[in-house]
Protein backbone atom coordinates (compact mmCIF):
# COMPACT_ATOMS: atom_id res chain seq x y z
CA MET A 1 -87.99 19.08 -36.87
CA ALA A 2 -85.50 20.59 -39.38
CA LYS A 3 -86.56 23.95 -40.77
CA PRO A 4 -86.18 25.37 -44.32
CA GLY A 5 -82.84 27.11 -44.75
CA ASP A 6 -81.00 24.83 -42.27
CA THR A 7 -77.56 23.81 -43.48
CA VAL A 8 -77.28 20.25 -44.88
CA ASP A 9 -73.66 19.57 -43.95
CA TRP A 10 -73.98 19.83 -40.20
CA GLN A 11 -72.55 16.25 -39.84
CA ASP A 12 -69.40 16.78 -41.98
CA GLY A 13 -66.21 17.06 -40.02
CA LYS A 14 -68.01 17.50 -36.71
CA SER A 15 -67.57 15.61 -33.46
CA LEU A 16 -70.42 13.51 -32.00
CA SER A 17 -71.17 16.13 -29.37
CA GLU A 18 -71.28 18.91 -31.99
CA CYS A 19 -73.78 16.90 -34.00
CA MET A 20 -75.90 16.11 -30.96
CA LEU A 21 -75.98 19.76 -29.92
CA TYR A 22 -76.97 20.81 -33.42
CA MET A 23 -79.86 18.34 -33.40
CA LEU A 24 -80.90 19.62 -29.99
CA GLU A 25 -80.76 23.32 -30.98
CA LYS A 26 -82.54 22.74 -34.33
CA GLU A 27 -85.03 20.31 -32.74
CA ILE A 28 -84.17 17.61 -35.32
CA MET A 29 -85.98 14.30 -34.52
CA CYS A 30 -86.79 15.41 -30.98
CA ASP A 31 -89.27 13.05 -29.32
CA VAL A 32 -89.99 14.62 -25.88
CA THR A 33 -91.35 18.07 -24.98
CA PHE A 34 -90.90 19.80 -21.66
CA ARG A 35 -92.72 22.81 -20.28
CA ILE A 36 -90.18 24.51 -18.03
CA GLY A 37 -90.60 27.08 -15.23
CA THR A 38 -93.51 29.23 -14.12
CA ASP A 39 -94.12 30.43 -17.68
CA GLN A 40 -93.97 26.85 -19.05
CA SER A 41 -91.39 27.55 -21.70
CA ILE A 42 -91.34 24.78 -24.38
CA ILE A 43 -88.03 22.92 -24.66
CA LYS A 44 -87.60 19.83 -26.79
CA ALA A 45 -85.06 17.03 -26.53
CA HIS A 46 -84.24 13.38 -27.35
CA LYS A 47 -85.28 10.69 -24.91
CA TYR A 48 -82.33 8.43 -25.70
CA MET A 49 -79.79 11.16 -24.92
CA LEU A 50 -81.42 12.09 -21.62
CA ALA A 51 -81.77 8.43 -20.56
CA SER A 52 -78.13 7.74 -21.45
CA ARG A 53 -76.90 10.28 -18.88
CA SER A 54 -79.61 10.30 -16.18
CA PRO A 55 -81.14 7.34 -14.34
CA VAL A 56 -84.03 9.62 -13.45
CA PHE A 57 -84.78 10.36 -17.13
CA TYR A 58 -84.37 6.63 -17.93
CA THR A 59 -86.96 5.71 -15.37
CA MET A 60 -89.19 8.53 -16.54
CA PHE A 61 -89.25 7.15 -20.10
CA GLU A 62 -88.69 3.44 -19.63
CA GLY A 63 -89.97 2.68 -16.19
CA SER A 64 -93.08 0.83 -15.18
CA CYS A 65 -95.22 4.00 -15.56
CA PRO A 66 -93.52 6.00 -18.35
CA GLU A 67 -94.43 9.60 -18.90
CA LYS A 68 -96.78 10.37 -21.81
CA GLY A 69 -97.20 13.60 -23.60
CA GLU A 70 -95.63 16.93 -22.49
CA ILE A 71 -93.69 16.91 -19.22
CA ILE A 72 -94.29 19.80 -16.81
CA VAL A 73 -91.24 20.95 -14.83
CA PRO A 74 -92.33 23.95 -12.76
CA ASP A 75 -89.40 24.19 -10.32
CA ILE A 76 -86.52 24.87 -12.76
CA ASN A 77 -85.50 28.03 -14.57
CA PRO A 78 -85.54 27.55 -18.43
CA GLU A 79 -81.95 28.76 -18.72
CA ILE A 80 -80.73 26.25 -16.13
CA PHE A 81 -82.66 23.45 -17.85
CA LYS A 82 -81.01 24.39 -21.15
CA ALA A 83 -77.62 24.26 -19.35
CA LEU A 84 -78.55 20.77 -18.06
CA LEU A 85 -79.30 19.63 -21.59
CA LYS A 86 -76.07 21.09 -23.01
CA CYS A 87 -74.11 19.26 -20.27
CA ILE A 88 -75.90 16.00 -21.08
CA TYR A 89 -75.25 16.37 -24.75
CA SER A 90 -71.67 17.67 -24.62
CA ASP A 91 -70.24 17.25 -21.08
CA LYS A 92 -69.80 21.04 -21.02
CA LEU A 93 -71.46 23.22 -18.37
CA GLU A 94 -71.96 26.93 -19.00
CA VAL A 95 -73.35 28.71 -15.95
CA THR A 96 -72.33 31.72 -13.83
CA LEU A 97 -71.60 31.75 -10.14
CA GLU A 98 -75.09 33.21 -9.57
CA GLN A 99 -76.58 30.14 -11.26
CA ILE A 100 -74.52 27.45 -9.57
CA SER A 101 -76.97 26.79 -6.74
CA GLU A 102 -79.75 26.09 -9.25
CA ALA A 103 -77.36 24.01 -11.42
CA LEU A 104 -76.41 21.84 -8.44
CA TYR A 105 -80.07 21.38 -7.56
CA VAL A 106 -80.80 20.23 -11.11
CA ALA A 107 -77.73 17.92 -11.16
CA GLU A 108 -78.96 16.24 -7.99
CA LYS A 109 -82.58 16.11 -9.04
CA TYR A 110 -81.76 14.24 -12.31
CA MET A 111 -78.65 12.46 -10.93
CA VAL A 112 -76.43 13.75 -13.79
CA SER A 113 -72.99 12.58 -12.57
CA THR A 114 -70.98 14.74 -14.95
CA MET A 115 -72.70 18.00 -13.95
CA LYS A 116 -71.90 18.23 -10.27
CA PRO A 117 -68.11 18.07 -10.70
CA GLU A 118 -68.30 20.94 -13.22
CA CYS A 119 -70.28 22.94 -10.70
CA THR A 120 -67.74 22.28 -7.96
CA LYS A 121 -64.89 23.24 -10.33
CA LEU A 122 -66.43 26.68 -10.82
CA LEU A 123 -67.00 27.07 -7.10
CA SER A 124 -63.40 26.08 -6.39
CA SER A 125 -62.17 28.87 -8.66
CA CYS A 126 -64.13 31.41 -6.51
CA ALA A 127 -63.55 29.95 -3.05
CA GLU A 128 -60.54 32.13 -2.35
CA THR A 129 -61.87 35.39 -3.73
CA SER A 130 -64.22 38.07 -2.44
CA ASN A 131 -67.02 35.67 -3.47
CA ALA A 132 -66.02 33.28 -0.67
CA PRO A 133 -69.26 33.98 1.29
CA VAL A 134 -71.34 32.88 -1.71
CA VAL A 135 -69.25 29.75 -2.14
CA PHE A 136 -69.45 29.02 1.56
CA ASN A 137 -73.24 29.39 1.49
CA ILE A 138 -73.64 27.04 -1.56
CA ALA A 139 -71.15 24.49 -0.28
CA SER A 140 -72.95 24.32 3.08
CA HIS A 141 -76.27 23.77 1.45
CA PHE A 142 -75.05 20.97 -0.87
CA HIS A 143 -72.71 19.36 1.73
CA LEU A 144 -69.49 20.10 -0.23
CA GLN A 145 -67.29 19.90 2.87
CA PRO A 146 -63.82 20.57 1.33
CA LEU A 147 -65.16 23.74 -0.39
CA LYS A 148 -66.99 24.78 2.72
CA ALA A 149 -63.73 24.62 4.74
CA ILE A 150 -61.62 26.42 2.11
CA SER A 151 -64.10 29.30 1.68
CA LEU A 152 -64.59 29.74 5.39
CA LEU A 153 -60.88 29.92 5.97
CA HIS A 154 -60.59 32.59 3.25
CA ILE A 155 -63.37 34.57 4.91
CA GLN A 156 -61.57 34.25 8.22
CA ASN A 157 -58.27 35.51 6.77
CA ASN A 158 -59.75 38.16 4.46
CA ALA A 159 -62.76 39.27 6.44
CA VAL A 160 -62.84 42.97 5.46
CA GLU A 161 -62.80 42.10 1.74
CA CYS A 162 -65.34 39.30 2.06
CA LEU A 163 -67.84 40.83 4.52
CA THR A 164 -68.22 44.21 2.76
CA VAL A 165 -69.13 42.92 -0.76
CA PRO A 166 -72.84 43.28 -1.65
CA ASN A 167 -73.49 39.59 -2.36
CA ALA A 168 -72.42 38.62 1.19
CA VAL A 169 -75.88 39.60 2.47
CA LYS A 170 -77.51 36.74 0.50
CA ILE A 171 -76.13 33.93 2.66
CA SER A 172 -78.31 31.93 5.06
CA LYS A 173 -78.76 32.70 8.77
CA GLU A 174 -77.09 29.41 9.67
CA ASN A 175 -73.95 30.46 7.77
CA ILE A 176 -74.01 33.97 9.24
CA GLU A 177 -73.90 32.20 12.62
CA ALA A 178 -70.90 30.06 11.52
CA ILE A 179 -68.99 33.21 10.53
CA LEU A 180 -69.77 35.16 13.70
CA LYS A 181 -68.81 32.22 15.84
CA LEU A 182 -65.22 32.34 14.51
CA ASP A 183 -62.96 33.12 17.39
CA SER A 184 -60.28 34.55 15.15
CA MET A 185 -60.97 36.95 12.22
CA SER A 186 -58.89 39.41 10.29
CA CYS A 187 -61.19 42.42 10.87
CA SER A 188 -62.53 44.54 13.67
CA GLU A 189 -65.60 43.78 15.74
CA THR A 190 -67.17 46.85 14.13
CA THR A 191 -66.84 45.29 10.68
CA LYS A 192 -68.57 42.15 11.93
CA CYS A 193 -71.42 44.23 13.43
CA ARG A 194 -71.82 46.21 10.20
CA PHE A 195 -71.99 42.93 8.25
CA LEU A 196 -74.72 41.58 10.48
CA ILE A 197 -76.79 44.75 10.23
CA MET A 198 -76.30 44.85 6.46
CA TRP A 199 -77.52 41.21 6.27
CA ALA A 200 -80.51 41.93 8.51
CA GLY A 201 -81.47 45.03 6.47
CA HIS A 202 -81.40 42.91 3.33
CA GLN A 203 -83.59 40.27 5.00
CA CYS A 204 -86.12 43.01 5.90
CA GLU A 205 -86.31 44.12 2.29
CA VAL A 206 -86.65 40.50 1.03
CA GLN A 207 -89.54 39.92 3.43
CA GLY A 208 -91.20 43.27 2.64
CA GLN A 209 -90.58 44.69 6.11
CA THR A 210 -89.48 48.18 7.08
CA VAL A 211 -85.75 48.32 7.75
CA SER A 212 -85.78 49.24 11.43
CA GLY A 213 -83.81 48.21 14.50
CA LYS A 214 -86.86 46.44 15.91
CA ASN A 215 -87.46 44.37 12.80
CA MET A 216 -83.76 43.61 12.32
CA ARG A 217 -83.55 42.34 15.92
CA LYS A 218 -86.42 39.94 15.28
CA LEU A 219 -84.65 38.56 12.28
CA ILE A 220 -81.25 38.40 13.91
CA GLY A 221 -82.54 36.68 17.00
CA SER A 222 -79.91 35.00 19.15
CA LEU A 223 -77.17 35.92 16.62
CA LEU A 224 -77.17 39.35 18.25
CA TYR A 225 -75.28 37.90 21.23
CA LEU A 226 -72.46 36.70 18.97
CA VAL A 227 -71.47 40.32 18.44
CA HIS A 228 -69.01 41.58 21.01
CA PHE A 229 -70.61 44.98 21.45
CA PRO A 230 -68.23 46.25 24.11
CA PHE A 231 -65.39 46.07 21.55
CA LEU A 232 -67.14 48.05 18.82
CA ASN A 233 -65.68 51.39 17.83
CA ARG A 234 -67.18 53.69 20.46
CA GLU A 235 -68.15 56.49 18.05
CA TYR A 236 -69.82 53.96 15.77
CA PHE A 237 -71.70 52.44 18.67
CA ALA A 238 -72.87 55.85 19.97
CA LYS A 239 -74.01 57.12 16.60
CA GLU A 240 -75.18 54.05 14.72
CA ILE A 241 -76.25 51.45 17.39
CA ALA A 242 -77.31 53.14 20.57
CA HIS A 243 -80.34 54.91 19.17
CA SER A 244 -81.24 52.46 16.36
CA GLY A 245 -83.64 50.29 18.34
CA LEU A 246 -81.45 47.24 17.75
CA LEU A 247 -80.61 47.00 21.45
CA THR A 248 -82.77 47.55 24.50
CA SER A 249 -82.05 50.61 26.66
CA GLU A 250 -80.60 48.27 29.33
CA GLU A 251 -78.26 46.72 26.79
CA VAL A 252 -77.11 50.09 25.55
CA VAL A 253 -76.39 51.29 29.13
CA SER A 254 -74.47 48.10 29.83
CA VAL A 255 -72.23 48.58 26.80
CA PHE A 256 -71.48 52.22 27.69
CA SER A 257 -70.72 51.12 31.28
CA SER A 258 -68.32 48.46 30.00
CA HIS A 259 -66.29 51.22 28.37
CA TYR A 260 -65.44 52.36 31.90
CA GLY A 261 -64.58 49.03 33.35
CA ARG A 262 -67.86 47.66 34.48
CA LYS A 263 -68.72 44.02 33.66
CA ASN A 264 -71.20 43.72 30.83
CA GLU A 265 -74.36 41.87 31.78
CA PHE A 266 -75.53 40.99 28.25
CA PHE A 267 -72.63 40.64 25.82
CA THR A 268 -69.25 38.83 25.96
CA GLY A 269 -66.44 40.72 27.56
CA SER A 270 -63.62 39.05 25.66
CA ALA A 271 -61.96 40.20 22.46
CA ARG A 272 -61.53 37.84 19.56
CA HIS A 273 -58.12 36.78 18.44
CA SER A 274 -56.72 38.36 15.34
CA ARG A 275 -53.49 38.28 13.33
CA VAL A 276 -50.34 38.91 15.35
CA PHE A 277 -48.32 41.92 14.22
CA HIS A 278 -44.78 42.56 15.56
CA GLN A 279 -42.89 45.28 13.64
CA HIS A 280 -44.00 48.90 13.51
CA TYR A 281 -43.36 51.08 10.44
CA THR A 282 -43.82 54.76 9.68
CA VAL A 283 -43.75 55.63 6.02
CA LEU A 284 -43.62 59.21 4.70
CA ARG A 285 -43.74 59.56 0.92
CA HIS A 286 -42.20 62.99 0.44
CA GLU A 287 -38.56 64.20 0.15
CA GLY A 288 -39.54 67.69 1.19
CA ILE A 289 -42.50 69.75 2.52
CA ILE A 290 -43.70 73.02 1.02
CA GLY A 291 -46.50 75.35 2.07
CA ASN A 292 -49.15 77.32 0.22
CA TRP A 293 -51.35 74.37 -0.82
CA SER A 294 -54.72 75.95 -1.44
CA PRO A 295 -57.89 73.82 -1.62
CA TYR A 296 -60.49 74.43 -4.32
CA LYS A 297 -63.26 76.78 -3.37
CA ASP A 298 -67.00 76.16 -3.86
CA ILE A 299 -66.59 72.37 -3.87
CA ILE A 300 -65.90 69.69 -1.33
CA ASN A 301 -62.28 68.73 -1.76
CA TYR A 302 -61.49 65.01 -1.98
CA ASP A 303 -57.74 64.47 -1.70
CA ALA A 304 -57.30 60.72 -2.35
CA LEU A 305 -54.42 58.32 -2.75
CA ASN A 306 -54.26 54.59 -3.51
CA ILE A 307 -51.79 52.65 -1.36
CA LYS A 308 -50.58 49.04 -1.55
CA VAL A 309 -48.19 47.16 0.77
CA ASN A 310 -46.58 43.82 -0.13
CA LYS A 311 -47.29 42.44 3.33
CA ASN A 312 -50.46 41.97 5.44
CA ILE A 313 -50.63 45.07 7.64
CA GLU A 314 -52.48 46.49 10.64
CA LEU A 315 -53.05 50.17 9.72
CA LYS A 316 -52.72 52.31 12.83
CA SER A 317 -52.79 55.90 11.66
CA VAL A 318 -52.87 58.27 8.67
CA ILE A 319 -50.32 61.06 8.53
CA LEU A 320 -51.59 64.32 7.07
CA TYR A 321 -49.83 67.59 6.20
CA GLY A 322 -50.56 70.32 8.76
CA PRO A 323 -51.84 73.84 8.24
CA ASP A 324 -49.63 76.52 6.61
CA GLY A 325 -50.84 79.26 8.96
CA ASP A 326 -53.66 79.68 11.42
CA VAL A 327 -56.92 77.76 11.02
CA THR A 328 -60.33 79.03 12.08
CA SER A 329 -62.84 76.94 14.02
CA SER A 330 -65.14 76.91 10.99
CA THR A 331 -62.53 75.24 8.71
CA LYS A 332 -60.72 72.82 11.03
CA ASN A 333 -63.09 69.90 10.64
CA LEU A 334 -61.91 67.06 8.34
CA THR A 335 -62.97 63.48 7.57
CA VAL A 336 -60.67 60.60 6.79
CA LYS A 337 -62.13 57.71 4.87
CA ILE A 338 -60.66 54.35 3.87
CA ILE A 339 -61.95 52.39 0.83
CA ASN A 340 -60.95 48.80 0.15
CA ASP A 341 -59.94 47.38 -3.23
CA SER A 342 -63.56 46.46 -3.99
CA GLY A 343 -64.60 50.10 -3.71
CA ASN A 344 -66.40 49.67 -0.41
CA GLU A 345 -65.95 52.13 2.48
CA ILE A 346 -64.53 50.30 5.47
CA TYR A 347 -63.66 53.19 7.77
CA SER A 348 -64.63 56.82 8.34
CA GLN A 349 -63.43 59.14 11.09
CA LYS A 350 -63.88 62.84 11.80
CA TYR A 351 -60.78 64.75 12.76
CA GLU A 352 -60.16 68.27 14.05
CA SER A 353 -57.03 69.75 12.56
CA CYS A 354 -54.54 71.64 14.67
CA THR A 355 -55.19 75.35 14.39
CA GLU A 356 -51.59 76.55 14.14
CA SER A 357 -48.96 76.21 11.48
CA GLN A 358 -47.48 72.67 11.55
CA GLU A 359 -45.72 70.46 8.98
CA LEU A 360 -47.45 67.18 9.85
CA GLN A 361 -50.39 65.91 11.95
CA THR A 362 -51.33 62.33 12.68
CA VAL A 363 -54.87 60.89 12.67
CA TYR A 364 -54.84 57.91 15.02
CA LEU A 365 -57.52 55.45 13.95
CA ASN A 366 -60.08 54.59 16.60
CA GLU A 367 -59.29 50.95 15.93
CA PRO A 368 -56.64 49.34 13.76
CA ILE A 369 -57.63 48.09 10.35
CA GLU A 370 -56.20 44.86 9.02
CA LEU A 371 -55.46 45.03 5.25
CA ASP A 372 -54.32 42.31 2.91
CA SER A 373 -51.00 42.28 1.06
CA ASN A 374 -50.76 43.46 -2.54
CA LYS A 375 -54.23 44.93 -2.64
CA TYR A 376 -54.76 48.67 -3.10
CA PHE A 377 -56.74 50.54 -0.44
CA THR A 378 -57.66 54.20 -0.77
CA ILE A 379 -57.20 56.98 1.80
CA ILE A 380 -59.52 59.95 1.22
CA LEU A 381 -59.13 63.28 3.01
CA VAL A 382 -62.56 64.97 2.79
CA GLY A 383 -63.29 68.68 3.25
CA LEU A 384 -59.88 70.47 3.37
CA LYS A 385 -60.74 74.21 3.57
CA PHE A 386 -57.54 75.85 4.86
CA LYS A 387 -54.20 76.60 3.29
CA ALA A 388 -51.94 73.59 4.05
CA ASN A 389 -48.51 72.19 3.68
CA SER A 390 -47.95 69.53 1.06
CA GLY A 391 -45.42 67.03 -0.12
CA LYS A 392 -42.92 67.70 -2.88
CA LYS A 393 -40.86 65.17 -4.84
CA CYS A 394 -43.02 62.41 -3.39
CA LYS A 395 -41.92 58.80 -4.13
CA PRO A 396 -44.38 56.48 -5.88
CA GLU A 397 -42.61 53.59 -4.11
CA TYR A 398 -41.07 53.34 -0.67
CA ARG A 399 -38.86 50.45 0.47
CA ILE A 400 -37.63 49.56 3.92
CA ASP A 401 -36.22 46.12 4.78
CA ASP A 402 -38.37 43.74 2.66
CA VAL A 403 -41.42 45.99 2.88
CA ILE A 404 -42.57 47.77 -0.31
CA VAL A 405 -45.25 50.50 -0.08
CA THR A 406 -46.66 51.71 -3.42
CA PHE A 407 -48.56 54.98 -3.92
CA GLN A 408 -50.90 55.59 -6.88
CA LYS A 409 -53.16 58.39 -8.08
CA SER A 410 -56.80 57.64 -7.15
CA LEU A 411 -59.93 58.08 -9.26
CA ASN A 412 -61.66 59.25 -6.07
CA CYS A 413 -59.52 62.40 -6.07
CA ASN A 414 -60.88 65.70 -7.40
CA THR A 415 -57.77 67.78 -6.57
CA THR A 416 -54.22 67.62 -7.84
CA THR A 417 -53.02 65.18 -5.15
CA ASN A 418 -51.31 62.22 -6.82
CA GLU A 419 -48.38 59.86 -6.33
CA VAL A 420 -45.75 62.61 -6.70
CA GLN A 421 -47.33 65.60 -4.90
CA GLY A 422 -50.16 66.83 -2.75
CA GLN A 423 -51.90 65.80 0.45
CA ILE A 424 -51.72 62.63 2.57
CA ALA A 425 -48.17 62.41 3.85
CA GLY A 426 -47.98 58.75 4.83
CA ILE A 427 -49.18 55.96 7.08
CA GLU A 428 -48.17 54.10 10.21
CA PHE A 429 -48.73 50.38 10.40
CA ASN A 430 -47.66 47.09 12.00
CA ILE A 431 -46.58 43.94 10.19
């Protein structure tokens, strides 16, 4: 019903859909009332409009047993029902990626043919982004085969980015299985294991269970045997898995034994295929090296640098500047961390610095890290306590052949390290 103060020229110069939407929003001449969701929110509409777009609504109002009075719809969120109405009235769908699953459910429930293509259009725009796991999950549930294939391929080729984002833990167990069964993925086995544990921890929280190795194992079930435990980073396995309760003592012993050549009795002994890298590169960003770099006192130093390469790479090592003088046993311990472009930590390794004066020292990663082209990753040197050498006249961009490496100041840095000076001398990688 029109209300006092409503404009009287809402028809003038307006399209049909604009007029229909106005009548919907102002409840002009509405003849059907819905109570939507668990709180039974009241939403009014026009029977003829709903029946014109949905055979379900048509049968509801004009069938052999037409609905009378208010219509209760407990299984739909009010915001999604409003989006449904707007799509019916204007052919425009306004939902977020987080609402797409509900929107597809509503489109199928009421057989609104114009709504499902709009949903798939939004999903298509996200299928080759870090949201690929969400798209894969939704596409699998609603049998959208082309989108399912595209998003799974993106996960396969961009696994580090896709498996470390927070919303990846929301996908179904069946789709976790599909990902873990991939024989070729662009990430380490450790990343896959971290992903599975992150997912299991989330499932424990959703079900109100304590996040423990025992509970996670129950939820993971047979998926546990899709992880190639003998190929995990050994330090990660020893510190994070061996004593977590996720594996039995016999399984833990078998994995440790496999590190020394014995056949594993529980888990696969074969490595997955990954990208093939042929050419090795060593990139140093400085023109010269100077000493007397003093770390800040009374704080933990974070020397950080953003790095981008225009090719897909396999990062093998991080090159640091060495000590400018002798180093004591109490100050030699460092940590090297690597953060991806989404801000998620994908690698951490402790390192003992050499204890005598040296220009450079190399931190060989326990396992190579595959990184995507043209996306910044961040190297962070944590805990420098001794006087060190550093780079001078560093180059923000390094070119060799058709490879371009770009260095950039990082927001994670709390020292004066940046693209033209400071710590972190360079990287070694394969292409």
